[in-house]
Amino acid sequence: MFLELHMIQNFSPSCLNRDDTNTPKDCVFGGFRRARISSQCLKRAIRKYFNTEIEQFKERLGIRTRFLPRQIIRKLVENGKAEETATEVVKDVLEGLNFNLDSKDKKQTEVLLFLNQDTPDKIAQLILDNWEPFQKKDNAKLIKEKLKPLSGEIKQELNPDIALFGRMVASSTDLNVDAACYVAHAFSTHKVDMEMDFFTAVDDLQEETESGAAHMGILMYNSSCFYRYSVLDLNQLLTNLQKKKDFMISLLKGYLEASINAIPTGKQTSMAAFNKPDFIMAALHCTQPWSLANAFATPATIGPKSEDILHLSMKRLERYLQDTLKLFGNSNDLSLHYCLSDDTKMEILEKIGKRCGSVAELINAIGDIANGRLSSST
């Protein structure tokens, strides 16, 4: 069973997601230059929203780090162990977990790891409980044996964001987790040209007779209406969460809330582009997911009726959905809910879906339907 989330989100002038040249990310789609927000940027915004706004997920999220050895060494030193000895023991233990250390710095792993938040503490406690035997030479076999329960826990007991976004550990493939969530790069429904903001800073202690700016700079930005799309594989999510259905439904609702409300932080102190989505559509079904991105293969443009780009994009998406359903057929188990920021009439969607009066109503409706279908299937 899949949950698809389609959104139209119009941002005021902003630079939410930059490339290595400090320019807003973009792409070519349908032969035209578009503004873009990367899926990685969106997923990080979702994780941050989980941690700051959803109480039940605070302190329960994963950590992405290369400094796992350093964190464990600190715990050992706090418990009275010598740092040099602790560093060597931690190296042996992490290699027992197939977490390779950086060749130049034993306090970093070779690659970025995605682990449960309490994993460093658990590894540190395991070392403290086995401090003497772990210091002995030729201890690899002992360490492997002692690590088995913890290794199994790291593999199976996943924090919510790891269950959603998956994990890949090249040096320890048994810890790999298939992602339950697929997030597309958001792109503008219209063609876009980058704009340039030339700015200066004045020295507050400059004399009145002195002229010139203390600093000058250039900031690239754009103002774009984005199509956002993501898919949640509910069966995979349930598997990742060890068949804990009630928790999965809570995470499903949390993911919807976070996806709808999370906004990237790039240059927000300079732009304050805190614009919520104006159109949200959630589709629940068991057939293959389909993106509606090609609704905008031809860029949306302002026409003679002076309709704004936001509503043009919403109507374009609605018409493309209708054409797609005519071509491929409507899934018998399709449950479609949508909501808008105003009273715009969506004639096509009204025939095949249900309009919700608020985001909260949409989230609860989808959660209830998913819960009912999963309960009946088991």
Protein backbone atom coordinates (compact mmCIF):
# COMPACT_ATOMS: atom_id res chain seq x y z
CA MET A 1 0.00 0.00 0.00
CA PHE A 2 1.32 3.41 -1.00
CA LEU A 3 0.65 6.91 0.23
CA GLU A 4 1.40 9.64 -2.31
CA LEU A 5 1.67 13.28 -1.35
CA HIS A 6 1.35 16.00 -4.00
CA MET A 7 1.74 19.67 -3.10
CA ILE A 8 1.85 23.06 -4.78
CA GLN A 9 3.92 25.52 -2.74
CA ASN A 10 4.62 29.08 -3.84
CA PHE A 11 7.63 30.76 -2.25
CA SER A 12 8.32 34.47 -2.12
CA PRO A 13 11.87 35.62 -3.08
CA SER A 14 14.21 33.07 -1.51
CA CYS A 15 17.41 31.06 -1.72
CA LEU A 16 16.28 27.96 0.15
CA ASN A 17 18.75 25.42 -1.23
CA ARG A 18 22.13 26.47 -2.71
CA ASP A 19 24.79 24.75 -4.79
CA ASP A 20 28.57 25.00 -4.45
CA THR A 21 28.56 28.43 -6.13
CA ASN A 22 26.11 29.83 -3.53
CA THR A 23 23.39 29.96 -6.21
CA PRO A 24 19.87 28.53 -5.77
CA LYS A 25 19.75 24.99 -7.15
CA ASP A 26 18.05 24.56 -10.51
CA CYS A 27 17.49 22.01 -13.26
CA VAL A 28 16.24 21.66 -16.82
CA PHE A 29 12.82 20.03 -17.17
CA GLY A 30 10.77 19.95 -20.35
CA GLY A 31 13.51 21.93 -22.05
CA PHE A 32 13.21 24.91 -19.69
CA ARG A 33 15.24 26.06 -16.71
CA ARG A 34 13.43 25.48 -13.41
CA ALA A 35 14.12 26.31 -9.78
CA ARG A 36 14.82 23.21 -7.67
CA ILE A 37 14.92 22.12 -4.03
CA SER A 38 16.80 18.86 -3.60
CA SER A 39 15.21 15.84 -1.98
CA GLN A 40 18.08 15.75 0.55
CA CYS A 41 17.25 19.31 1.61
CA LEU A 42 13.57 18.47 2.01
CA LYS A 43 14.28 15.31 4.02
CA ARG A 44 16.56 17.21 6.39
CA ALA A 45 13.84 19.83 6.90
CA ILE A 46 11.40 17.01 7.71
CA ARG A 47 13.80 15.47 10.25
CA LYS A 48 14.33 18.85 11.91
CA TYR A 49 10.57 19.39 12.11
CA PHE A 50 10.19 15.99 13.78
CA ASN A 51 12.75 16.99 16.38
CA THR A 52 11.35 20.44 17.17
CA GLU A 53 7.61 20.23 16.60
CA ILE A 54 6.36 16.67 17.18
CA GLU A 55 6.67 15.79 20.84
CA GLN A 56 6.46 12.02 20.54
CA PHE A 57 9.45 11.89 18.17
CA LYS A 58 11.74 14.25 20.08
CA GLU A 59 14.79 12.43 21.47
CA ARG A 60 13.86 9.39 19.35
CA LEU A 61 15.42 10.33 16.04
CA GLY A 62 18.54 8.94 14.45
CA ILE A 63 21.93 10.66 14.31
CA ARG A 64 24.03 11.05 11.18
CA THR A 65 27.68 11.30 12.14
CA ARG A 66 31.30 10.39 11.51
CA PHE A 67 32.19 11.19 15.12
CA LEU A 68 30.85 8.01 16.70
CA PRO A 69 34.32 7.01 18.02
CA ARG A 70 34.89 10.44 19.57
CA GLN A 71 31.51 10.35 21.31
CA ILE A 72 32.18 6.91 22.80
CA ILE A 73 35.70 7.86 23.89
CA ARG A 74 34.29 10.88 25.74
CA LYS A 75 31.88 8.64 27.63
CA LEU A 76 34.72 6.32 28.63
CA VAL A 77 36.95 9.19 29.75
CA GLU A 78 34.07 10.58 31.83
CA ASN A 79 34.01 7.20 33.56
CA GLY A 80 37.68 7.41 34.51
CA LYS A 81 39.30 5.59 31.61
CA ALA A 82 42.55 6.79 30.06
CA GLU A 83 41.93 8.42 26.68
CA GLU A 84 44.75 6.59 24.88
CA THR A 85 43.57 3.17 26.06
CA ALA A 86 39.93 4.06 25.40
CA THR A 87 40.79 5.08 21.84
CA GLU A 88 42.35 1.70 21.09
CA VAL A 89 39.51 -0.27 22.68
CA VAL A 90 36.90 1.76 20.79
CA LYS A 91 38.77 1.11 17.55
CA ASP A 92 38.66 -2.66 18.15
CA VAL A 93 34.96 -2.60 19.09
CA LEU A 94 33.84 -0.49 16.13
CA GLU A 95 35.83 -2.65 13.75
CA GLY A 96 33.99 -5.59 15.32
CA LEU A 97 30.80 -3.89 14.14
CA ASN A 98 32.41 -3.39 10.70
CA PHE A 99 32.47 0.37 11.20
CA ASN A 100 35.81 1.24 9.61
CA LEU A 101 37.72 4.15 11.13
CA ASP A 102 39.34 6.95 9.17
CA SER A 103 42.94 6.07 8.36
CA LYS A 104 44.15 9.50 9.52
CA ASP A 105 41.92 10.04 12.55
CA LYS A 106 40.85 7.26 14.90
CA LYS A 107 38.14 9.49 16.34
CA GLN A 108 36.19 9.49 13.07
CA THR A 109 34.63 6.72 11.01
CA GLU A 110 35.53 6.31 7.37
CA VAL A 111 32.02 7.20 6.22
CA LEU A 112 28.94 8.93 7.58
CA LEU A 113 26.79 6.59 9.69
CA PHE A 114 23.06 6.77 10.38
CA LEU A 115 22.36 5.26 13.80
CA ASN A 116 19.85 5.36 16.63
CA GLN A 117 20.40 8.28 18.98
CA ASP A 118 21.25 6.04 21.94
CA THR A 119 23.72 3.82 20.04
CA PRO A 120 26.88 5.68 21.27
CA ASP A 121 25.76 5.30 24.89
CA LYS A 122 24.99 1.60 24.44
CA ILE A 123 28.36 0.88 22.86
CA ALA A 124 30.11 2.83 25.62
CA GLN A 125 28.23 0.89 28.29
CA LEU A 126 29.09 -2.43 26.65
CA ILE A 127 32.77 -1.46 26.71
CA LEU A 128 32.59 -0.40 30.37
CA ASP A 129 30.93 -3.71 31.27
CA ASN A 130 33.73 -5.61 29.51
CA TRP A 131 36.62 -3.22 30.06
CA GLU A 132 39.25 -5.72 31.20
CA PRO A 133 38.68 -8.48 28.61
CA PHE A 134 38.35 -5.92 25.78
CA GLN A 135 41.90 -4.66 26.51
CA LYS A 136 43.50 -8.08 26.00
CA LYS A 137 45.39 -8.98 22.85
CA ASP A 138 43.72 -11.21 20.27
CA ASN A 139 40.33 -10.06 21.55
CA ALA A 140 38.52 -9.99 18.18
CA LYS A 141 36.60 -13.24 18.78
CA LEU A 142 35.46 -12.13 22.25
CA ILE A 143 34.37 -8.72 20.97
CA LYS A 144 32.37 -10.30 18.13
CA GLU A 145 30.57 -12.54 20.62
CA LYS A 146 29.78 -9.71 23.04
CA LEU A 147 28.59 -7.48 20.19
CA LYS A 148 26.01 -9.91 18.78
CA PRO A 149 23.02 -8.67 20.85
CA LEU A 150 23.88 -5.01 20.25
CA SER A 151 24.49 -5.63 16.55
CA GLY A 152 21.05 -7.26 16.26
CA GLU A 153 19.46 -4.31 18.05
CA ILE A 154 21.17 -1.78 15.76
CA LYS A 155 19.81 -3.73 12.80
CA GLN A 156 16.22 -4.20 13.99
CA GLU A 157 15.27 -1.47 16.46
CA LEU A 158 15.13 1.57 14.20
CA ASN A 159 14.45 5.18 15.09
CA PRO A 160 11.58 6.69 13.05
CA ASP A 161 13.69 8.63 10.55
CA ILE A 162 15.89 5.61 9.78
CA ALA A 163 12.75 3.53 9.19
CA LEU A 164 11.51 6.24 6.81
CA PHE A 165 14.64 7.16 4.88
CA GLY A 166 16.65 3.95 5.10
CA ARG A 167 20.32 3.33 5.76
CA MET A 168 23.28 2.16 3.70
CA VAL A 169 26.50 0.94 5.36
CA ALA A 170 28.89 -0.34 2.69
CA SER A 171 31.24 -1.96 5.21
CA SER A 172 28.41 -3.76 7.03
CA THR A 173 25.67 -4.56 4.53
CA ASP A 174 23.59 -6.50 7.06
CA LEU A 175 22.81 -3.13 8.67
CA ASN A 176 21.34 -1.78 5.42
CA VAL A 177 17.69 -0.72 5.65
CA ASP A 178 15.45 -0.25 2.62
CA ALA A 179 13.88 3.20 2.65
CA ALA A 180 10.10 3.31 3.02
CA CYS A 181 9.94 6.91 1.79
CA TYR A 182 10.73 8.23 -1.69
CA VAL A 183 11.14 11.99 -2.04
CA ALA A 184 11.36 13.75 -5.39
CA HIS A 185 13.31 16.93 -6.02
CA ALA A 186 10.83 19.80 -5.93
CA PHE A 187 10.87 21.93 -9.08
CA SER A 188 9.12 25.07 -10.25
CA THR A 189 5.96 24.63 -12.29
CA HIS A 190 7.16 27.49 -14.51
CA LYS A 191 10.42 28.48 -16.11
CA VAL A 192 12.64 30.62 -13.93
CA ASP A 193 15.39 33.19 -14.27
CA MET A 194 17.81 33.79 -11.44
CA GLU A 195 17.79 37.28 -9.98
CA MET A 196 20.57 39.14 -8.25
CA ASP A 197 20.46 41.17 -5.05
CA PHE A 198 23.34 43.62 -4.66
CA PHE A 199 23.65 44.61 -1.01
CA THR A 200 25.90 46.75 1.16
CA ALA A 201 26.64 47.06 4.88
CA VAL A 202 27.35 50.41 6.50
CA ASP A 203 29.94 50.81 9.27
CA ASP A 204 28.08 52.21 12.28
CA LEU A 205 31.21 53.95 13.57
CA GLN A 206 31.99 55.62 10.25
CA GLU A 207 32.35 59.39 10.40
CA GLU A 208 29.81 61.53 8.54
CA THR A 209 32.59 62.88 6.35
CA GLU A 210 33.64 59.37 5.34
CA SER A 211 31.93 57.66 2.42
CA GLY A 212 31.64 54.15 1.08
CA ALA A 213 30.32 50.85 2.36
CA ALA A 214 32.08 48.59 4.84
CA HIS A 215 30.98 45.52 2.88
CA MET A 216 29.39 44.77 -0.49
CA GLY A 217 28.02 41.50 -1.75
CA ILE A 218 25.77 39.72 -4.23
CA LEU A 219 23.07 37.18 -3.42
CA MET A 220 21.33 35.11 -6.09
CA TYR A 221 17.66 34.26 -5.53
CA ASN A 222 14.36 33.49 -7.24
CA SER A 223 10.67 33.36 -6.48
CA SER A 224 9.09 30.07 -7.55
CA CYS A 225 5.95 27.97 -7.33
CA PHE A 226 7.03 24.37 -6.67
CA TYR A 227 5.49 20.99 -7.34
CA ARG A 228 6.45 18.64 -4.50
CA TYR A 229 5.95 14.88 -4.60
CA SER A 230 6.75 12.02 -2.25
CA VAL A 231 5.71 8.39 -1.78
CA LEU A 232 5.48 6.34 1.41
CA ASP A 233 5.53 2.54 1.08
CA LEU A 234 3.43 1.57 4.10
CA ASN A 235 4.23 -2.13 3.89
CA GLN A 236 7.98 -1.41 3.91
CA LEU A 237 7.54 1.04 6.78
CA LEU A 238 5.64 -1.58 8.78
CA THR A 239 8.44 -4.07 8.13
CA ASN A 240 11.10 -1.57 9.19
CA LEU A 241 9.20 -0.94 12.44
CA GLN A 242 9.00 -4.65 13.32
CA LYS A 243 5.25 -4.83 12.53
CA LYS A 244 4.37 -2.26 15.22
CA LYS A 245 1.20 -1.07 13.49
CA ASP A 246 0.06 1.54 16.01
CA PHE A 247 3.46 3.19 16.02
CA MET A 248 3.57 3.07 12.23
CA ILE A 249 0.24 4.90 11.98
CA SER A 250 1.56 7.55 14.39
CA LEU A 251 4.67 7.90 12.24
CA LEU A 252 2.56 8.10 9.08
CA LYS A 253 0.61 11.01 10.56
CA GLY A 254 3.80 12.63 11.79
CA TYR A 255 5.38 12.30 8.38
CA LEU A 256 2.39 13.98 6.74
CA GLU A 257 2.48 16.83 9.24
CA ALA A 258 6.22 17.30 8.85
CA SER A 259 6.18 17.08 5.03
CA ILE A 260 3.42 19.66 4.79
CA ASN A 261 4.89 22.10 7.30
CA ALA A 262 8.68 21.70 7.03
CA ILE A 263 10.47 24.48 5.15
CA PRO A 264 14.20 24.57 4.27
CA THR A 265 16.27 27.05 6.27
CA GLY A 266 18.58 28.42 3.56
CA LYS A 267 18.97 32.23 3.77
CA GLN A 268 15.78 32.55 5.79
CA THR A 269 17.20 35.29 8.01
CA SER A 270 17.66 37.35 4.83
CA MET A 271 14.46 36.32 3.01
CA ALA A 272 11.90 35.00 5.54
CA ALA A 273 10.21 32.86 2.87
CA PHE A 274 7.99 30.94 5.29
CA ASN A 275 5.27 30.06 2.78
CA LYS A 276 3.02 27.06 3.47
CA PRO A 277 1.66 24.88 0.64
CA ASP A 278 -1.61 26.17 -0.82
CA PHE A 279 -2.62 22.83 -2.32
CA ILE A 280 -2.19 19.42 -0.68
CA MET A 281 -3.39 16.12 -2.12
CA ALA A 282 -2.86 12.71 -0.52
CA ALA A 283 -3.67 9.51 -2.41
CA LEU A 284 -3.76 6.07 -0.75
CA HIS A 285 -3.83 2.94 -2.94
CA CYS A 286 -2.17 -0.42 -3.63
CA THR A 287 -1.22 0.10 -7.27
CA GLN A 288 2.04 1.50 -8.65
CA PRO A 289 2.66 5.12 -7.62
CA TRP A 290 2.66 7.79 -10.29
CA SER A 291 4.17 11.23 -10.24
CA LEU A 292 2.21 14.06 -11.80
CA ALA A 293 5.37 16.00 -12.66
CA ASN A 294 4.63 15.90 -16.39
CA ALA A 295 1.67 18.19 -15.78
CA PHE A 296 4.37 20.86 -15.92
CA ALA A 297 6.51 19.54 -18.79
CA THR A 298 5.22 22.63 -20.54
CA PRO A 299 5.80 25.44 -18.06
CA ALA A 300 2.77 27.12 -16.55
CA THR A 301 2.49 30.71 -17.77
CA ILE A 302 0.32 33.67 -16.81
CA GLY A 303 -2.51 33.96 -19.34
CA PRO A 304 -4.91 36.71 -20.46
CA LYS A 305 -7.31 36.03 -17.57
CA SER A 306 -4.66 37.28 -15.13
CA GLU A 307 -4.92 34.10 -13.09
CA ASP A 308 -1.97 33.77 -10.73
CA ILE A 309 0.73 31.09 -11.14
CA LEU A 310 -0.40 29.30 -7.99
CA HIS A 311 -3.94 28.60 -9.19
CA LEU A 312 -2.78 27.93 -12.74
CA SER A 313 -0.50 25.23 -11.36
CA MET A 314 -3.30 23.72 -9.27
CA LYS A 315 -5.62 23.54 -12.28
CA ARG A 316 -2.87 22.14 -14.49
CA LEU A 317 -2.23 19.38 -11.95
CA GLU A 318 -5.94 18.58 -11.71
CA ARG A 319 -6.37 18.29 -15.49
CA TYR A 320 -3.30 16.10 -15.85
CA LEU A 321 -4.58 13.77 -13.11
CA GLN A 322 -7.88 13.47 -14.97
CA ASP A 323 -6.10 12.65 -18.25
CA THR A 324 -3.88 10.09 -16.52
CA LEU A 325 -6.85 8.34 -14.94
CA LYS A 326 -8.62 8.21 -18.32
CA LEU A 327 -5.56 6.66 -19.93
CA PHE A 328 -4.59 4.12 -17.27
CA GLY A 329 -7.84 3.69 -15.36
CA ASN A 330 -8.82 4.49 -11.80
CA SER A 331 -7.63 2.13 -9.09
CA ASN A 332 -10.55 0.47 -7.30
CA ASP A 333 -8.97 1.10 -3.91
CA LEU A 334 -7.94 4.73 -4.54
CA SER A 335 -8.71 6.99 -1.59
CA LEU A 336 -7.95 10.62 -2.41
CA HIS A 337 -8.15 13.54 0.01
CA TYR A 338 -7.15 17.13 -0.67
CA CYS A 339 -7.32 20.60 0.84
CA LEU A 340 -6.70 24.15 -0.35
CA SER A 341 -5.88 27.46 1.27
CA ASP A 342 -8.93 29.16 -0.27
CA ASP A 343 -12.37 28.32 -1.67
CA THR A 344 -11.23 27.55 -5.23
CA LYS A 345 -13.52 24.95 -6.76
CA MET A 346 -11.76 21.80 -7.99
CA GLU A 347 -14.47 20.16 -10.10
CA ILE A 348 -12.47 17.12 -11.18
CA LEU A 349 -11.10 16.33 -7.73
CA GLU A 350 -14.55 16.64 -6.19
CA LYS A 351 -15.72 13.71 -8.34
CA ILE A 352 -12.93 11.31 -7.37
CA GLY A 353 -11.86 12.50 -3.93
CA LYS A 354 -12.89 14.23 -0.74
CA ARG A 355 -12.11 17.81 0.12
CA CYS A 356 -10.94 18.36 3.69
CA GLY A 357 -11.47 21.58 5.58
CA SER A 358 -8.03 21.57 7.18
CA VAL A 359 -4.64 19.89 7.13
CA ALA A 360 -5.44 18.19 10.44
CA GLU A 361 -8.61 16.71 8.96
CA LEU A 362 -6.68 15.37 5.96
CA ILE A 363 -3.97 13.81 8.14
CA ASN A 364 -6.50 12.12 10.45
CA ALA A 365 -8.57 10.84 7.52
CA ILE A 366 -5.55 9.26 5.82
CA GLY A 367 -4.37 7.79 9.12
CA ASP A 368 -7.76 6.23 9.83
CA ILE A 369 -8.07 4.72 6.34
CA ALA A 370 -4.53 3.28 6.45
CA ASN A 371 -5.17 1.85 9.91
CA GLY A 372 -8.39 0.21 8.77
CA ARG A 373 -6.84 -1.35 5.66
CA LEU A 374 -3.82 -2.66 7.52
CA SER A 375 -6.04 -4.12 10.25
CA SER A 376 -8.25 -5.91 7.74
CA SER A 377 -5.25 -7.28 5.83
CA THR A 378 -3.77 -8.83 8.96
